[in-house]
């Protein structure tokens, strides 16, 4: 059950979102036949401008803290993605 079920709205427009509403910069589609980890790795790889998601997938498995630090230092944590799998 989404956090916003009582408000009947998307998270981005809800009172739970302390940031302002923003349009997504990138739209991502997802096949349920693929792993969720690969989806996240693909998004992270896009943020870094990488053409392969192997490194991001490995970091998600082994060292999420380090990955978060890299994203933060490269100012990529505020990038916005619309992942249609979450809109189902």
C-alpha atoms as a PDB file:
ATOM      1  CA  UNK A   1       0.000   0.000   0.000  1.00  0.00           C
ATOM      2  CA  UNK A   2       1.583   3.276  -1.006  1.00  0.00           C
ATOM      3  CA  UNK A   3       2.373   5.870   1.640  1.00  0.00           C
ATOM      4  CA  UNK A   4       0.038   8.242  -0.190  1.00  0.00           C
ATOM      5  CA  UNK A   5      -3.059   6.000  -0.278  1.00  0.00           C
ATOM      6  CA  UNK A   6      -4.974   8.199   2.187  1.00  0.00           C
ATOM      7  CA  UNK A   7      -4.159  11.339   0.229  1.00  0.00           C
ATOM      8  CA  UNK A   8      -4.953   9.618  -3.089  1.00  0.00           C
ATOM      9  CA  UNK A   9      -2.110  11.322  -4.928  1.00  0.00           C
ATOM     10  CA  UNK A  10       1.408  10.643  -6.134  1.00  0.00           C
ATOM     11  CA  UNK A  11       4.316  10.903  -3.711  1.00  0.00           C
ATOM     12  CA  UNK A  12       5.790  13.888  -5.520  1.00  0.00           C
ATOM     13  CA  UNK A  13       2.618  15.939  -4.966  1.00  0.00           C
ATOM     14  CA  UNK A  14       1.973  14.702  -1.427  1.00  0.00           C
ATOM     15  CA  UNK A  15       2.652  16.357   1.894  1.00  0.00           C
ATOM     16  CA  UNK A  16       5.203  13.590   2.541  1.00  0.00           C
ATOM     17  CA  UNK A  17       7.539  15.063  -0.069  1.00  0.00           C
ATOM     18  CA  UNK A  18       9.557  17.778   1.685  1.00  0.00           C
ATOM     19  CA  UNK A  19      11.134  18.817  -1.610  1.00  0.00           C
ATOM     20  CA  UNK A  20       9.209  20.721  -4.224  1.00  0.00           C
ATOM     21  CA  UNK A  21       7.493  18.895  -7.083  1.00  0.00           C
ATOM     22  CA  UNK A  22       9.751  18.311 -10.076  1.00  0.00           C
ATOM     23  CA  UNK A  23       9.290  16.820 -13.490  1.00  0.00           C
ATOM     24  CA  UNK A  24      11.295  13.713 -14.176  1.00  0.00           C
ATOM     25  CA  UNK A  25      14.365  14.204 -16.329  1.00  0.00           C
ATOM     26  CA  UNK A  26      14.338  10.606 -17.565  1.00  0.00           C
ATOM     27  CA  UNK A  27      11.542   8.079 -18.070  1.00  0.00           C
ATOM     28  CA  UNK A  28      12.499   4.466 -17.394  1.00  0.00           C
ATOM     29  CA  UNK A  29      10.470   1.422 -18.323  1.00  0.00           C
ATOM     30  CA  UNK A  30      10.910  -1.947 -16.671  1.00  0.00           C
ATOM     31  CA  UNK A  31      10.196  -5.521 -17.609  1.00  0.00           C
ATOM     32  CA  UNK A  32       9.050  -7.706 -14.723  1.00  0.00           C
ATOM     33  CA  UNK A  33      11.173 -10.465 -16.258  1.00  0.00           C
ATOM     34  CA  UNK A  34      14.304  -8.555 -15.218  1.00  0.00           C
ATOM     35  CA  UNK A  35      15.627  -8.200 -11.698  1.00  0.00           C
ATOM     36  CA  UNK A  36      14.903  -5.106  -9.644  1.00  0.00           C
ATOM     37  CA  UNK A  37      18.628  -4.813  -8.883  1.00  0.00           C
ATOM     38  CA  UNK A  38      19.341  -4.550 -12.627  1.00  0.00           C
ATOM     39  CA  UNK A  39      16.723  -1.783 -12.915  1.00  0.00           C
ATOM     40  CA  UNK A  40      18.395   0.208 -10.137  1.00  0.00           C
ATOM     41  CA  UNK A  41      21.821  -0.448 -11.621  1.00  0.00           C
ATOM     42  CA  UNK A  42      20.641   0.829 -15.011  1.00  0.00           C
ATOM     43  CA  UNK A  43      19.327   4.041 -13.432  1.00  0.00           C
ATOM     44  CA  UNK A  44      22.568   4.573 -11.508  1.00  0.00           C
ATOM     45  CA  UNK A  45      24.595   3.885 -14.657  1.00  0.00           C
ATOM     46  CA  UNK A  46      22.549   6.443 -16.568  1.00  0.00           C
ATOM     47  CA  UNK A  47      23.227   9.021 -13.856  1.00  0.00           C
ATOM     48  CA  UNK A  48      26.954   8.375 -14.297  1.00  0.00           C
ATOM     49  CA  UNK A  49      26.743   8.345 -18.103  1.00  0.00           C
ATOM     50  CA  UNK A  50      27.946   4.740 -18.240  1.00  0.00           C
ATOM     51  CA  UNK A  51      26.901   2.468 -21.119  1.00  0.00           C
ATOM     52  CA  UNK A  52      27.025  -0.707 -18.991  1.00  0.00           C
ATOM     53  CA  UNK A  53      25.408  -1.337 -15.632  1.00  0.00           C
ATOM     54  CA  UNK A  54      27.815  -4.043 -14.407  1.00  0.00           C
ATOM     55  CA  UNK A  55      29.815  -1.764 -12.124  1.00  0.00           C
ATOM     56  CA  UNK A  56      26.683  -0.214 -10.603  1.00  0.00           C
ATOM     57  CA  UNK A  57      25.114  -3.649 -10.098  1.00  0.00           C
ATOM     58  CA  UNK A  58      28.245  -4.847  -8.313  1.00  0.00           C
ATOM     59  CA  UNK A  59      28.326  -1.767  -6.084  1.00  0.00           C
ATOM     60  CA  UNK A  60      24.634  -2.233  -5.233  1.00  0.00           C
ATOM     61  CA  UNK A  61      25.464  -5.762  -4.114  1.00  0.00           C
ATOM     62  CA  UNK A  62      28.734  -5.034  -2.312  1.00  0.00           C
ATOM     63  CA  UNK A  63      28.860  -1.430  -1.095  1.00  0.00           C
ATOM     64  CA  UNK A  64      25.724   0.724  -1.254  1.00  0.00           C
ATOM     65  CA  UNK A  65      27.281   3.267   1.104  1.00  0.00           C
ATOM     66  CA  UNK A  66      30.212   3.853  -1.258  1.00  0.00           C
ATOM     67  CA  UNK A  67      27.820   4.108  -4.206  1.00  0.00           C
ATOM     68  CA  UNK A  68      25.755   6.695  -2.326  1.00  0.00           C
ATOM     69  CA  UNK A  69      28.911   8.699  -1.578  1.00  0.00           C
ATOM     70  CA  UNK A  70      29.912   8.686  -5.249  1.00  0.00           C
ATOM     71  CA  UNK A  71      26.443   9.814  -6.317  1.00  0.00           C
ATOM     72  CA  UNK A  72      26.455  12.553  -3.701  1.00  0.00           C
ATOM     73  CA  UNK A  73      29.916  13.841  -4.603  1.00  0.00           C
ATOM     74  CA  UNK A  74      28.984  13.940  -8.281  1.00  0.00           C
ATOM     75  CA  UNK A  75      25.771  15.874  -7.462  1.00  0.00           C
ATOM     76  CA  UNK A  76      23.585  13.152  -8.990  1.00  0.00           C
ATOM     77  CA  UNK A  77      21.340  12.410  -5.982  1.00  0.00           C
ATOM     78  CA  UNK A  78      18.870  15.108  -7.052  1.00  0.00           C
ATOM     79  CA  UNK A  79      18.376  13.707 -10.561  1.00  0.00           C
ATOM     80  CA  UNK A  80      14.761  12.692 -11.093  1.00  0.00           C
ATOM     81  CA  UNK A  81      13.630   9.522 -12.849  1.00  0.00           C
ATOM     82  CA  UNK A  82      10.114   8.324 -13.575  1.00  0.00           C
ATOM     83  CA  UNK A  83      10.128   4.540 -13.243  1.00  0.00           C
ATOM     84  CA  UNK A  84       6.927   3.262 -14.770  1.00  0.00           C
ATOM     85  CA  UNK A  85       7.127  -0.010 -12.803  1.00  0.00           C
ATOM     86  CA  UNK A  86       6.203   1.962  -9.691  1.00  0.00           C
ATOM     87  CA  UNK A  87       3.191   3.490 -11.434  1.00  0.00           C
ATOM     88  CA  UNK A  88       1.414   0.161 -11.924  1.00  0.00           C
END
